[in-house]
Amino acid sequence: MGMPLWAWIVFYALVLLMLVADLKMFGRKGQHEVNVKEALQMTAIWIGISLVFCAGIYLFYPHEPHEKAMEFLAGYLIEKSLSMDNLFVFLMLFSFFGIERKYQHEVLFWGIFGALVLRSIFIFAGAAMVERFEWVLGLFGLFLLYTGGKMLVHDDDEQTDPSQNIIVRWFRKVYPVTDKMHGDRFFVSENGKRLATPLFVALLVIETTDVAFAVDSIPAVFSVSRDPFIVLTSNIFAILGLRALYFALAAVAKYFTYLKYGLGIILMFVGVKMLLAMNEYINALGSLLGVNINMPHIEVPTLVSLIIIFGVLVLSMLLSVVVTRRK
């Protein structure tokens, strides 16, 4: 897959080391509520670490280091922006399950750890699929157009019930669950019977929710790079700092009412970008249907993609702040 095995081993060892450091330094287990200042500091640290890694790609990547660094930045920005939408869902979940702020970081830590494992599996599988069946990228593009459009017309007033999550309903059938919180514990024993707490149920919902979000974000990153190492590292570095970013955004969530529109536009842009590069397969499909499409090959440069994604994200956030303040 391009990079030697030792590079993958070193990367995952580095990720585990950073996770342990994050758990020790930031929001220690049940001791205090994470405040906005701490969250902003840790968010800045995570972004700094990601930029250092990007610089390492620029200096040491074995082939096309400049282009690979740009691809990493674009993939990182796509995943980071889409992850912000996830965080607002997490706010709703914690509110629904009545989980106190000082226990939320524990759920987020294990949720992110699970996301790292699941994302790795999805990305390796996706890379293998794209390498063997390149036309799959066209399906990814169509799916991103659909999900981006759906995000633009989605009604924020629609309420969802996390307790109706299919995994939660299945788990409640096979394992007893208590309705009472027990601090930061995922499981407790009552009258000799082992029970799961609402904290663990919330973790289940977060993990299954992340799987749904990964279906959008991973194909989107494949739109800027087909290198599995770049796709994986940009994705993982983006979600490593989610725990800190969550507590920073929680305090200002009301100011980002228009963010989802920006994310929808970003998804539709990367979907179109994918389809423009699939002209050979689209023309072949047209020939099978008896239609002469004659679509030219259009490759959107990574730098242009990076500028468009960053610009849409910033404009949607600025619009959210301006409109909210006026209201």
C-alpha atoms as a PDB file:
ATOM      1  CA  MET A   1       0.000   0.000   0.000  1.00  0.00           C
ATOM      2  CA  GLY A   2       2.864   2.395  -0.657  1.00  0.00           C
ATOM      3  CA  MET A   3       4.193   2.999   2.834  1.00  0.00           C
ATOM      4  CA  PRO A   4       6.353   0.310   4.512  1.00  0.00           C
ATOM      5  CA  LEU A   5       4.915  -1.746   7.360  1.00  0.00           C
ATOM      6  CA  TRP A   6       7.115  -0.053   9.953  1.00  0.00           C
ATOM      7  CA  ALA A   7       5.544   3.326   9.109  1.00  0.00           C
ATOM      8  CA  TRP A   8       2.075   1.969   9.909  1.00  0.00           C
ATOM      9  CA  ILE A   9       3.329   0.425  13.165  1.00  0.00           C
ATOM     10  CA  VAL A  10       5.032   3.667  14.233  1.00  0.00           C
ATOM     11  CA  PHE A  11       1.906   5.658  13.412  1.00  0.00           C
ATOM     12  CA  TYR A  12      -0.420   3.469  15.472  1.00  0.00           C
ATOM     13  CA  ALA A  13       2.084   3.408  18.353  1.00  0.00           C
ATOM     14  CA  LEU A  14       2.127   7.211  18.211  1.00  0.00           C
ATOM     15  CA  VAL A  15      -1.682   7.328  18.236  1.00  0.00           C
ATOM     16  CA  LEU A  16      -1.899   5.067  21.303  1.00  0.00           C
ATOM     17  CA  LEU A  17       0.715   7.193  23.072  1.00  0.00           C
ATOM     18  CA  MET A  18      -1.244  10.371  22.316  1.00  0.00           C
ATOM     19  CA  LEU A  19      -4.496   8.804  23.526  1.00  0.00           C
ATOM     20  CA  VAL A  20      -2.902   7.831  26.844  1.00  0.00           C
ATOM     21  CA  ALA A  21      -1.404  11.309  27.218  1.00  0.00           C
ATOM     22  CA  ASP A  22      -4.789  12.868  26.430  1.00  0.00           C
ATOM     23  CA  LEU A  23      -6.507  10.720  29.070  1.00  0.00           C
ATOM     24  CA  LYS A  24      -3.904  11.624  31.701  1.00  0.00           C
ATOM     25  CA  MET A  25      -3.706  15.355  30.983  1.00  0.00           C
ATOM     26  CA  PHE A  26      -7.208  16.305  29.914  1.00  0.00           C
ATOM     27  CA  GLY A  27     -10.353  15.830  31.961  1.00  0.00           C
ATOM     28  CA  ARG A  28      -9.180  13.177  34.407  1.00  0.00           C
ATOM     29  CA  LYS A  29     -11.732  10.567  35.255  1.00  0.00           C
ATOM     30  CA  GLY A  30     -14.648  12.057  37.179  1.00  0.00           C
ATOM     31  CA  GLN A  31     -12.543  14.692  38.922  1.00  0.00           C
ATOM     32  CA  HIS A  32     -13.922  17.894  37.460  1.00  0.00           C
ATOM     33  CA  GLU A  33     -15.945  19.425  34.683  1.00  0.00           C
ATOM     34  CA  VAL A  34     -13.887  20.355  31.637  1.00  0.00           C
ATOM     35  CA  ASN A  35     -14.065  24.109  31.137  1.00  0.00           C
ATOM     36  CA  VAL A  36     -13.865  26.047  27.883  1.00  0.00           C
ATOM     37  CA  LYS A  37     -10.314  27.295  28.540  1.00  0.00           C
ATOM     38  CA  GLU A  38      -8.987  23.745  28.969  1.00  0.00           C
ATOM     39  CA  ALA A  39     -10.889  22.609  25.900  1.00  0.00           C
ATOM     40  CA  LEU A  40      -9.501  25.423  23.732  1.00  0.00           C
ATOM     41  CA  GLN A  41      -5.958  24.757  24.937  1.00  0.00           C
ATOM     42  CA  MET A  42      -6.180  21.043  24.138  1.00  0.00           C
ATOM     43  CA  THR A  43      -7.852  21.763  20.791  1.00  0.00           C
ATOM     44  CA  ALA A  44      -4.947  24.058  19.881  1.00  0.00           C
ATOM     45  CA  ILE A  45      -2.462  21.350  20.934  1.00  0.00           C
ATOM     46  CA  TRP A  46      -4.184  18.704  18.801  1.00  0.00           C
ATOM     47  CA  ILE A  47      -4.273  21.001  15.772  1.00  0.00           C
ATOM     48  CA  GLY A  48      -0.588  21.816  16.341  1.00  0.00           C
ATOM     49  CA  ILE A  49       0.319  18.109  16.472  1.00  0.00           C
ATOM     50  CA  SER A  50      -1.599  17.504  13.240  1.00  0.00           C
ATOM     51  CA  LEU A  51       0.244  20.346  11.503  1.00  0.00           C
ATOM     52  CA  VAL A  52       3.590  18.972  12.711  1.00  0.00           C
ATOM     53  CA  PHE A  53       2.660  15.585  11.237  1.00  0.00           C
ATOM     54  CA  CYS A  54       1.706  17.331   7.984  1.00  0.00           C
ATOM     55  CA  ALA A  55       5.132  19.023   7.961  1.00  0.00           C
ATOM     56  CA  GLY A  56       6.698  15.584   8.433  1.00  0.00           C
ATOM     57  CA  ILE A  57       4.829  14.364   5.343  1.00  0.00           C
ATOM     58  CA  TYR A  58       6.091  17.386   3.400  1.00  0.00           C
ATOM     59  CA  LEU A  59       9.699  16.713   4.431  1.00  0.00           C
ATOM     60  CA  PHE A  60       9.935  12.925   4.465  1.00  0.00           C
ATOM     61  CA  TYR A  61       7.182  11.357   2.363  1.00  0.00           C
ATOM     62  CA  PRO A  62       8.864   9.046  -0.179  1.00  0.00           C
ATOM     63  CA  HIS A  63       7.016  10.351  -3.263  1.00  0.00           C
ATOM     64  CA  GLU A  64       5.285  13.633  -4.187  1.00  0.00           C
ATOM     65  CA  PRO A  65       5.693  15.025  -0.648  1.00  0.00           C
ATOM     66  CA  HIS A  66       4.265  18.465  -1.472  1.00  0.00           C
ATOM     67  CA  GLU A  67       1.112  17.023  -3.065  1.00  0.00           C
ATOM     68  CA  LYS A  68       0.700  14.473  -0.252  1.00  0.00           C
ATOM     69  CA  ALA A  69       0.950  17.218   2.379  1.00  0.00           C
ATOM     70  CA  MET A  70      -1.788  19.171   0.575  1.00  0.00           C
ATOM     71  CA  GLU A  71      -3.921  16.026   0.389  1.00  0.00           C
ATOM     72  CA  PHE A  72      -3.442  15.465   4.125  1.00  0.00           C
ATOM     73  CA  LEU A  73      -4.560  19.031   4.900  1.00  0.00           C
ATOM     74  CA  ALA A  74      -7.607  18.748   2.648  1.00  0.00           C
ATOM     75  CA  GLY A  75      -8.592  15.378   4.123  1.00  0.00           C
ATOM     76  CA  TYR A  76      -8.018  16.667   7.645  1.00  0.00           C
ATOM     77  CA  LEU A  77     -10.168  19.734   7.022  1.00  0.00           C
ATOM     78  CA  ILE A  78     -13.000  17.671   5.480  1.00  0.00           C
ATOM     79  CA  GLU A  79     -13.052  15.221   8.385  1.00  0.00           C
ATOM     80  CA  LYS A  80     -12.692  17.966  11.015  1.00  0.00           C
ATOM     81  CA  SER A  81     -15.560  19.993   9.579  1.00  0.00           C
ATOM     82  CA  LEU A  82     -17.862  16.993   9.250  1.00  0.00           C
ATOM     83  CA  SER A  83     -16.942  15.885  12.773  1.00  0.00           C
ATOM     84  CA  MET A  84     -18.214  19.199  14.123  1.00  0.00           C
ATOM     85  CA  ASP A  85     -21.695  18.141  13.070  1.00  0.00           C
ATOM     86  CA  ASN A  86     -21.204  14.900  15.010  1.00  0.00           C
ATOM     87  CA  LEU A  87     -20.438  16.872  18.149  1.00  0.00           C
ATOM     88  CA  PHE A  88     -23.795  18.634  18.097  1.00  0.00           C
ATOM     89  CA  VAL A  89     -25.427  15.195  17.941  1.00  0.00           C
ATOM     90  CA  PHE A  90     -23.357  14.172  20.985  1.00  0.00           C
ATOM     91  CA  LEU A  91     -24.715  17.225  22.830  1.00  0.00           C
ATOM     92  CA  MET A  92     -28.238  15.979  22.223  1.00  0.00           C
ATOM     93  CA  LEU A  93     -27.347  12.429  23.302  1.00  0.00           C
ATOM     94  CA  PHE A  94     -25.806  13.506  26.597  1.00  0.00           C
ATOM     95  CA  SER A  95     -28.816  15.696  27.304  1.00  0.00           C
ATOM     96  CA  PHE A  96     -31.223  12.842  26.529  1.00  0.00           C
ATOM     97  CA  PHE A  97     -29.451  10.368  28.824  1.00  0.00           C
ATOM     98  CA  GLY A  98     -28.951  12.976  31.569  1.00  0.00           C
ATOM     99  CA  ILE A  99     -25.172  12.548  31.722  1.00  0.00           C
ATOM    100  CA  GLU A 100     -23.404  15.210  33.763  1.00  0.00           C
ATOM    101  CA  ARG A 101     -20.680  17.238  32.078  1.00  0.00           C
ATOM    102  CA  LYS A 102     -17.942  15.861  34.352  1.00  0.00           C
ATOM    103  CA  TYR A 103     -18.649  12.291  33.144  1.00  0.00           C
ATOM    104  CA  GLN A 104     -18.993  13.099  29.461  1.00  0.00           C
ATOM    105  CA  HIS A 105     -15.257  13.075  28.732  1.00  0.00           C
ATOM    106  CA  GLU A 106     -15.039   9.414  29.803  1.00  0.00           C
ATOM    107  CA  VAL A 107     -17.693   8.404  27.276  1.00  0.00           C
ATOM    108  CA  LEU A 108     -16.058  10.531  24.578  1.00  0.00           C
ATOM    109  CA  PHE A 109     -12.631   8.978  25.194  1.00  0.00           C
ATOM    110  CA  TRP A 110     -13.842   5.414  24.678  1.00  0.00           C
ATOM    111  CA  GLY A 111     -16.123   6.553  21.867  1.00  0.00           C
ATOM    112  CA  ILE A 112     -13.156   8.045  20.020  1.00  0.00           C
ATOM    113  CA  PHE A 113     -11.044   4.951  20.716  1.00  0.00           C
ATOM    114  CA  GLY A 114     -13.764   2.788  19.155  1.00  0.00           C
ATOM    115  CA  ALA A 115     -14.052   5.213  16.245  1.00  0.00           C
ATOM    116  CA  LEU A 116     -10.311   4.880  15.565  1.00  0.00           C
ATOM    117  CA  VAL A 117     -10.652   1.108  15.290  1.00  0.00           C
ATOM    118  CA  LEU A 118     -13.783   1.232  13.113  1.00  0.00           C
ATOM    119  CA  ARG A 119     -12.416   3.986  10.850  1.00  0.00           C
ATOM    120  CA  SER A 120      -9.217   2.004  10.293  1.00  0.00           C
ATOM    121  CA  ILE A 121     -11.228  -1.046   9.203  1.00  0.00           C
ATOM    122  CA  PHE A 122     -13.466   1.030   6.909  1.00  0.00           C
ATOM    123  CA  ILE A 123     -10.538   2.860   5.300  1.00  0.00           C
ATOM    124  CA  PHE A 124      -8.504  -0.290   4.614  1.00  0.00           C
ATOM    125  CA  ALA A 125     -11.586  -1.963   3.156  1.00  0.00           C
ATOM    126  CA  GLY A 126     -12.436   1.141   1.120  1.00  0.00           C
ATOM    127  CA  ALA A 127      -8.878   1.469  -0.197  1.00  0.00           C
ATOM    128  CA  ALA A 128      -8.827  -2.173  -1.262  1.00  0.00           C
ATOM    129  CA  MET A 129     -12.206  -1.756  -2.958  1.00  0.00           C
ATOM    130  CA  VAL A 130     -11.159   1.418  -4.822  1.00  0.00           C
ATOM    131  CA  GLU A 131      -7.885  -0.168  -5.924  1.00  0.00           C
ATOM    132  CA  ARG A 132      -9.724  -3.151  -7.419  1.00  0.00           C
ATOM    133  CA  PHE A 133     -12.936  -1.423  -8.567  1.00  0.00           C
ATOM    134  CA  GLU A 134     -12.154   2.208  -9.350  1.00  0.00           C
ATOM    135  CA  TRP A 135     -15.716   2.847 -10.528  1.00  0.00           C
ATOM    136  CA  VAL A 136     -16.809   2.621  -6.860  1.00  0.00           C
ATOM    137  CA  LEU A 137     -15.596   6.218  -6.507  1.00  0.00           C
ATOM    138  CA  GLY A 138     -18.454   7.226  -8.795  1.00  0.00           C
ATOM    139  CA  LEU A 139     -20.932   5.605  -6.413  1.00  0.00           C
ATOM    140  CA  PHE A 140     -19.233   7.435  -3.538  1.00  0.00           C
ATOM    141  CA  GLY A 141     -19.695  10.694  -5.446  1.00  0.00           C
ATOM    142  CA  LEU A 142     -23.409  10.075  -6.036  1.00  0.00           C
ATOM    143  CA  PHE A 143     -23.896   9.134  -2.387  1.00  0.00           C
ATOM    144  CA  LEU A 144     -22.164  12.326  -1.218  1.00  0.00           C
ATOM    145  CA  LEU A 145     -24.382  14.398  -3.505  1.00  0.00           C
ATOM    146  CA  TYR A 146     -27.416  12.733  -1.950  1.00  0.00           C
ATOM    147  CA  THR A 147     -26.273  13.156   1.667  1.00  0.00           C
ATOM    148  CA  GLY A 148     -25.151  16.741   1.055  1.00  0.00           C
ATOM    149  CA  GLY A 149     -28.529  17.619  -0.448  1.00  0.00           C
ATOM    150  CA  LYS A 150     -30.303  15.863   2.397  1.00  0.00           C
ATOM    151  CA  MET A 151     -28.293  17.903   4.906  1.00  0.00           C
ATOM    152  CA  LEU A 152     -29.375  21.123   3.178  1.00  0.00           C
ATOM    153  CA  VAL A 153     -33.083  20.320   3.502  1.00  0.00           C
ATOM    154  CA  HIS A 154     -32.982  18.520   6.864  1.00  0.00           C
ATOM    155  CA  ASP A 155     -35.365  19.948   9.461  1.00  0.00           C
ATOM    156  CA  ASP A 156     -33.555  20.795  12.710  1.00  0.00           C
ATOM    157  CA  ASP A 157     -36.844  20.592  14.583  1.00  0.00           C
ATOM    158  CA  GLU A 158     -37.150  16.877  13.900  1.00  0.00           C
ATOM    159  CA  GLN A 159     -36.598  15.044  17.165  1.00  0.00           C
ATOM    160  CA  THR A 160     -34.944  11.627  17.354  1.00  0.00           C
ATOM    161  CA  ASP A 161     -35.173   9.198  20.229  1.00  0.00           C
ATOM    162  CA  PRO A 162     -31.716   7.643  20.929  1.00  0.00           C
ATOM    163  CA  SER A 163     -33.388   4.890  22.969  1.00  0.00           C
ATOM    164  CA  GLN A 164     -34.903   3.576  19.705  1.00  0.00           C
ATOM    165  CA  ASN A 165     -31.432   2.997  18.237  1.00  0.00           C
ATOM    166  CA  ILE A 166     -31.442  -0.585  16.900  1.00  0.00           C
ATOM    167  CA  ILE A 167     -28.230  -1.481  18.771  1.00  0.00           C
ATOM    168  CA  VAL A 168     -29.628  -0.072  22.033  1.00  0.00           C
ATOM    169  CA  ARG A 169     -32.874  -2.035  21.663  1.00  0.00           C
ATOM    170  CA  TRP A 170     -30.940  -5.239  20.936  1.00  0.00           C
ATOM    171  CA  PHE A 171     -28.592  -4.644  23.883  1.00  0.00           C
ATOM    172  CA  ARG A 172     -31.495  -4.069  26.292  1.00  0.00           C
ATOM    173  CA  LYS A 173     -32.930  -7.432  25.238  1.00  0.00           C
ATOM    174  CA  VAL A 174     -29.734  -9.390  25.899  1.00  0.00           C
ATOM    175  CA  TYR A 175     -28.299  -7.455  28.863  1.00  0.00           C
ATOM    176  CA  PRO A 176     -30.034  -5.823  31.870  1.00  0.00           C
ATOM    177  CA  VAL A 177     -29.785  -2.037  32.069  1.00  0.00           C
ATOM    178  CA  THR A 178     -30.393   0.248  35.039  1.00  0.00           C
ATOM    179  CA  ASP A 179     -32.015   3.661  34.592  1.00  0.00           C
ATOM    180  CA  LYS A 180     -29.925   5.186  37.387  1.00  0.00           C
ATOM    181  CA  MET A 181     -26.545   6.857  36.880  1.00  0.00           C
ATOM    182  CA  HIS A 182     -23.659   5.487  38.954  1.00  0.00           C
ATOM    183  CA  GLY A 183     -21.029   8.177  38.545  1.00  0.00           C
ATOM    184  CA  ASP A 184     -18.479   7.332  35.873  1.00  0.00           C
ATOM    185  CA  ARG A 185     -19.129   3.594  35.916  1.00  0.00           C
ATOM    186  CA  PHE A 186     -20.275   1.704  32.824  1.00  0.00           C
ATOM    187  CA  PHE A 187     -21.381  -1.396  34.762  1.00  0.00           C
ATOM    188  CA  VAL A 188     -22.584  -1.965  38.343  1.00  0.00           C
ATOM    189  CA  SER A 189     -23.697  -4.912  40.482  1.00  0.00           C
ATOM    190  CA  GLU A 190     -27.049  -4.755  42.263  1.00  0.00           C
ATOM    191  CA  ASN A 191     -28.390  -7.664  44.340  1.00  0.00           C
ATOM    192  CA  GLY A 192     -25.811  -9.943  42.779  1.00  0.00           C
ATOM    193  CA  LYS A 193     -26.868  -8.967  39.257  1.00  0.00           C
ATOM    194  CA  ARG A 194     -24.557  -7.113  36.848  1.00  0.00           C
ATOM    195  CA  LEU A 195     -26.211  -4.164  35.107  1.00  0.00           C
ATOM    196  CA  ALA A 196     -25.162  -1.698  32.419  1.00  0.00           C
ATOM    197  CA  THR A 197     -25.586   2.005  33.257  1.00  0.00           C
ATOM    198  CA  PRO A 198     -26.976   4.805  31.051  1.00  0.00           C
ATOM    199  CA  LEU A 199     -23.339   5.856  30.577  1.00  0.00           C
ATOM    200  CA  PHE A 200     -22.617   2.624  28.691  1.00  0.00           C
ATOM    201  CA  VAL A 201     -25.856   2.914  26.686  1.00  0.00           C
ATOM    202  CA  ALA A 202     -24.791   6.439  25.647  1.00  0.00           C
ATOM    203  CA  LEU A 203     -21.428   5.007  24.552  1.00  0.00           C
ATOM    204  CA  LEU A 204     -23.219   2.421  22.393  1.00  0.00           C
ATOM    205  CA  VAL A 205     -25.265   5.147  20.702  1.00  0.00           C
ATOM    206  CA  ILE A 206     -22.162   7.278  20.078  1.00  0.00           C
ATOM    207  CA  GLU A 207     -20.308   4.353  18.503  1.00  0.00           C
ATOM    208  CA  THR A 208     -23.198   3.443  16.203  1.00  0.00           C
ATOM    209  CA  THR A 209     -23.739   7.114  15.347  1.00  0.00           C
ATOM    210  CA  ASP A 210     -20.081   7.422  14.378  1.00  0.00           C
ATOM    211  CA  VAL A 211     -20.462   4.473  12.008  1.00  0.00           C
ATOM    212  CA  ALA A 212     -23.251   6.372  10.241  1.00  0.00           C
ATOM    213  CA  PHE A 213     -21.122   9.525  10.026  1.00  0.00           C
ATOM    214  CA  ALA A 214     -18.130   7.539   8.746  1.00  0.00           C
ATOM    215  CA  VAL A 215     -20.207   6.481   5.750  1.00  0.00           C
ATOM    216  CA  ASP A 216     -20.198  10.167   4.714  1.00  0.00           C
ATOM    217  CA  SER A 217     -16.757  11.322   5.798  1.00  0.00           C
ATOM    218  CA  ILE A 218     -14.536   8.475   4.574  1.00  0.00           C
ATOM    219  CA  PRO A 219     -15.756   8.616   0.926  1.00  0.00           C
ATOM    220  CA  ALA A 220     -15.351  12.404   1.132  1.00  0.00           C
ATOM    221  CA  VAL A 221     -11.660  12.055   2.056  1.00  0.00           C
ATOM    222  CA  PHE A 222     -11.174   9.617  -0.836  1.00  0.00           C
ATOM    223  CA  SER A 223     -12.188  12.521  -3.071  1.00  0.00           C
ATOM    224  CA  VAL A 224      -8.885  14.300  -2.315  1.00  0.00           C
ATOM    225  CA  SER A 225      -6.565  11.299  -1.989  1.00  0.00           C
ATOM    226  CA  ARG A 226      -6.481   7.614  -2.883  1.00  0.00           C
ATOM    227  CA  ASP A 227      -3.367   7.002  -0.799  1.00  0.00           C
ATOM    228  CA  PRO A 228      -4.512   4.817   2.155  1.00  0.00           C
ATOM    229  CA  PHE A 229      -1.840   6.273   4.453  1.00  0.00           C
ATOM    230  CA  ILE A 230      -2.958   9.846   3.756  1.00  0.00           C
ATOM    231  CA  VAL A 231      -6.667   8.999   4.026  1.00  0.00           C
ATOM    232  CA  LEU A 232      -6.151   7.112   7.293  1.00  0.00           C
ATOM    233  CA  THR A 233      -3.802   9.572   9.017  1.00  0.00           C
ATOM    234  CA  SER A 234      -5.827  12.670   8.081  1.00  0.00           C
ATOM    235  CA  ASN A 235      -9.005  10.953   9.298  1.00  0.00           C
ATOM    236  CA  ILE A 236      -7.516   9.769  12.578  1.00  0.00           C
ATOM    237  CA  PHE A 237      -5.748  13.043  13.409  1.00  0.00           C
ATOM    238  CA  ALA A 238      -9.047  14.875  12.812  1.00  0.00           C
ATOM    239  CA  ILE A 239     -10.991  12.710  15.267  1.00  0.00           C
ATOM    240  CA  LEU A 240      -8.219  12.480  17.887  1.00  0.00           C
ATOM    241  CA  GLY A 241      -8.963  16.032  19.005  1.00  0.00           C
ATOM    242  CA  LEU A 242     -12.752  15.640  19.016  1.00  0.00           C
ATOM    243  CA  ARG A 243     -12.970  15.207  22.782  1.00  0.00           C
ATOM    244  CA  ALA A 244     -11.399  18.614  23.393  1.00  0.00           C
ATOM    245  CA  LEU A 245     -13.305  20.226  20.523  1.00  0.00           C
ATOM    246  CA  TYR A 246     -16.605  18.951  21.928  1.00  0.00           C
ATOM    247  CA  PHE A 247     -16.202  20.875  25.182  1.00  0.00           C
ATOM    248  CA  ALA A 248     -15.107  23.988  23.287  1.00  0.00           C
ATOM    249  CA  LEU A 249     -18.127  23.856  20.954  1.00  0.00           C
ATOM    250  CA  ALA A 250     -20.615  22.928  23.682  1.00  0.00           C
ATOM    251  CA  ALA A 251     -20.361  26.446  25.088  1.00  0.00           C
ATOM    252  CA  VAL A 252     -21.019  28.149  21.731  1.00  0.00           C
ATOM    253  CA  ALA A 253     -23.261  25.603  19.969  1.00  0.00           C
ATOM    254  CA  LYS A 254     -26.075  28.146  19.592  1.00  0.00           C
ATOM    255  CA  TYR A 255     -23.858  30.267  17.310  1.00  0.00           C
ATOM    256  CA  PHE A 256     -23.460  27.557  14.644  1.00  0.00           C
ATOM    257  CA  THR A 257     -27.006  27.222  13.357  1.00  0.00           C
ATOM    258  CA  TYR A 258     -25.941  27.518   9.693  1.00  0.00           C
ATOM    259  CA  LEU A 259     -22.944  25.198   9.904  1.00  0.00           C
ATOM    260  CA  LYS A 260     -24.913  22.227   8.562  1.00  0.00           C
ATOM    261  CA  TYR A 261     -25.608  24.125   5.332  1.00  0.00           C
ATOM    262  CA  GLY A 262     -21.892  24.684   4.851  1.00  0.00           C
ATOM    263  CA  LEU A 263     -21.239  20.991   5.505  1.00  0.00           C
ATOM    264  CA  GLY A 264     -23.925  20.053   2.991  1.00  0.00           C
ATOM    265  CA  ILE A 265     -22.279  22.240   0.352  1.00  0.00           C
ATOM    266  CA  ILE A 266     -18.880  20.703   1.138  1.00  0.00           C
ATOM    267  CA  LEU A 267     -20.267  17.172   0.723  1.00  0.00           C
ATOM    268  CA  MET A 268     -21.900  18.090  -2.580  1.00  0.00           C
ATOM    269  CA  PHE A 269     -18.680  19.723  -3.807  1.00  0.00           C
ATOM    270  CA  VAL A 270     -16.549  16.650  -3.095  1.00  0.00           C
ATOM    271  CA  GLY A 271     -19.263  14.478  -4.661  1.00  0.00           C
ATOM    272  CA  VAL A 272     -19.106  16.524  -7.879  1.00  0.00           C
ATOM    273  CA  LYS A 273     -15.290  16.445  -7.720  1.00  0.00           C
ATOM    274  CA  MET A 274     -15.376  12.658  -7.621  1.00  0.00           C
ATOM    275  CA  LEU A 275     -17.813  12.399 -10.525  1.00  0.00           C
ATOM    276  CA  LEU A 276     -15.774  14.793 -12.703  1.00  0.00           C
ATOM    277  CA  ALA A 277     -12.817  12.418 -12.428  1.00  0.00           C
ATOM    278  CA  MET A 278     -14.991   9.425 -13.351  1.00  0.00           C
ATOM    279  CA  ASN A 279     -15.668  10.575 -16.944  1.00  0.00           C
ATOM    280  CA  GLU A 280     -14.342   7.340 -18.471  1.00  0.00           C
ATOM    281  CA  TYR A 281     -16.878   5.215 -16.578  1.00  0.00           C
ATOM    282  CA  ILE A 282     -19.719   7.713 -17.089  1.00  0.00           C
ATOM    283  CA  ASN A 283     -19.054   7.776 -20.852  1.00  0.00           C
ATOM    284  CA  ALA A 284     -18.921   3.965 -20.913  1.00  0.00           C
ATOM    285  CA  LEU A 285     -22.234   3.790 -19.053  1.00  0.00           C
ATOM    286  CA  GLY A 286     -23.725   6.226 -21.536  1.00  0.00           C
ATOM    287  CA  SER A 287     -22.567   4.043 -24.432  1.00  0.00           C
ATOM    288  CA  LEU A 288     -24.243   1.009 -22.871  1.00  0.00           C
ATOM    289  CA  LEU A 289     -27.471   2.996 -22.645  1.00  0.00           C
ATOM    290  CA  GLY A 290     -27.087   4.282 -26.203  1.00  0.00           C
ATOM    291  CA  VAL A 291     -26.365   7.860 -25.121  1.00  0.00           C
ATOM    292  CA  ASN A 292     -23.284   9.795 -26.315  1.00  0.00           C
ATOM    293  CA  ILE A 293     -22.249  11.751 -23.212  1.00  0.00           C
ATOM    294  CA  ASN A 294     -18.635  12.532 -24.199  1.00  0.00           C
ATOM    295  CA  MET A 295     -17.828  13.972 -20.784  1.00  0.00           C
ATOM    296  CA  PRO A 296     -14.270  15.408 -20.504  1.00  0.00           C
ATOM    297  CA  HIS A 297     -11.918  14.481 -17.672  1.00  0.00           C
ATOM    298  CA  ILE A 298     -11.753  17.323 -15.131  1.00  0.00           C
ATOM    299  CA  GLU A 299      -9.340  17.026 -12.215  1.00  0.00           C
ATOM    300  CA  VAL A 300      -9.843  19.640  -9.484  1.00  0.00           C
ATOM    301  CA  PRO A 301      -6.401  20.455  -7.976  1.00  0.00           C
ATOM    302  CA  THR A 302      -5.969  19.632  -4.294  1.00  0.00           C
ATOM    303  CA  LEU A 303      -5.086  23.245  -3.478  1.00  0.00           C
ATOM    304  CA  VAL A 304      -8.326  24.468  -5.084  1.00  0.00           C
ATOM    305  CA  SER A 305     -10.295  21.857  -3.117  1.00  0.00           C
ATOM    306  CA  LEU A 306      -8.594  22.953   0.095  1.00  0.00           C
ATOM    307  CA  ILE A 307      -9.420  26.625  -0.534  1.00  0.00           C
ATOM    308  CA  ILE A 308     -13.067  25.906  -1.404  1.00  0.00           C
ATOM    309  CA  ILE A 309     -13.615  23.625   1.616  1.00  0.00           C
ATOM    310  CA  PHE A 310     -11.975  26.059   4.020  1.00  0.00           C
ATOM    311  CA  GLY A 311     -13.817  29.026   2.513  1.00  0.00           C
ATOM    312  CA  VAL A 312     -17.259  27.389   2.719  1.00  0.00           C
ATOM    313  CA  LEU A 313     -16.614  26.276   6.298  1.00  0.00           C
ATOM    314  CA  VAL A 314     -15.477  29.726   7.459  1.00  0.00           C
ATOM    315  CA  LEU A 315     -18.299  31.554   5.651  1.00  0.00           C
ATOM    316  CA  SER A 316     -20.982  29.276   7.117  1.00  0.00           C
ATOM    317  CA  MET A 317     -19.568  29.792  10.620  1.00  0.00           C
ATOM    318  CA  LEU A 318     -19.338  33.568  10.194  1.00  0.00           C
ATOM    319  CA  LEU A 319     -22.894  33.704   8.840  1.00  0.00           C
ATOM    320  CA  SER A 320     -24.088  31.682  11.824  1.00  0.00           C
ATOM    321  CA  VAL A 321     -22.455  34.072  14.304  1.00  0.00           C
ATOM    322  CA  VAL A 322     -23.691  37.237  12.538  1.00  0.00           C
ATOM    323  CA  VAL A 323     -27.319  36.057  12.178  1.00  0.00           C
ATOM    324  CA  THR A 324     -27.472  34.646  15.720  1.00  0.00           C
ATOM    325  CA  ARG A 325     -26.181  37.893  17.220  1.00  0.00           C
ATOM    326  CA  ARG A 326     -28.706  39.943  15.254  1.00  0.00           C
ATOM    327  CA  LYS A 327     -31.530  37.724  16.470  1.00  0.00           C
END
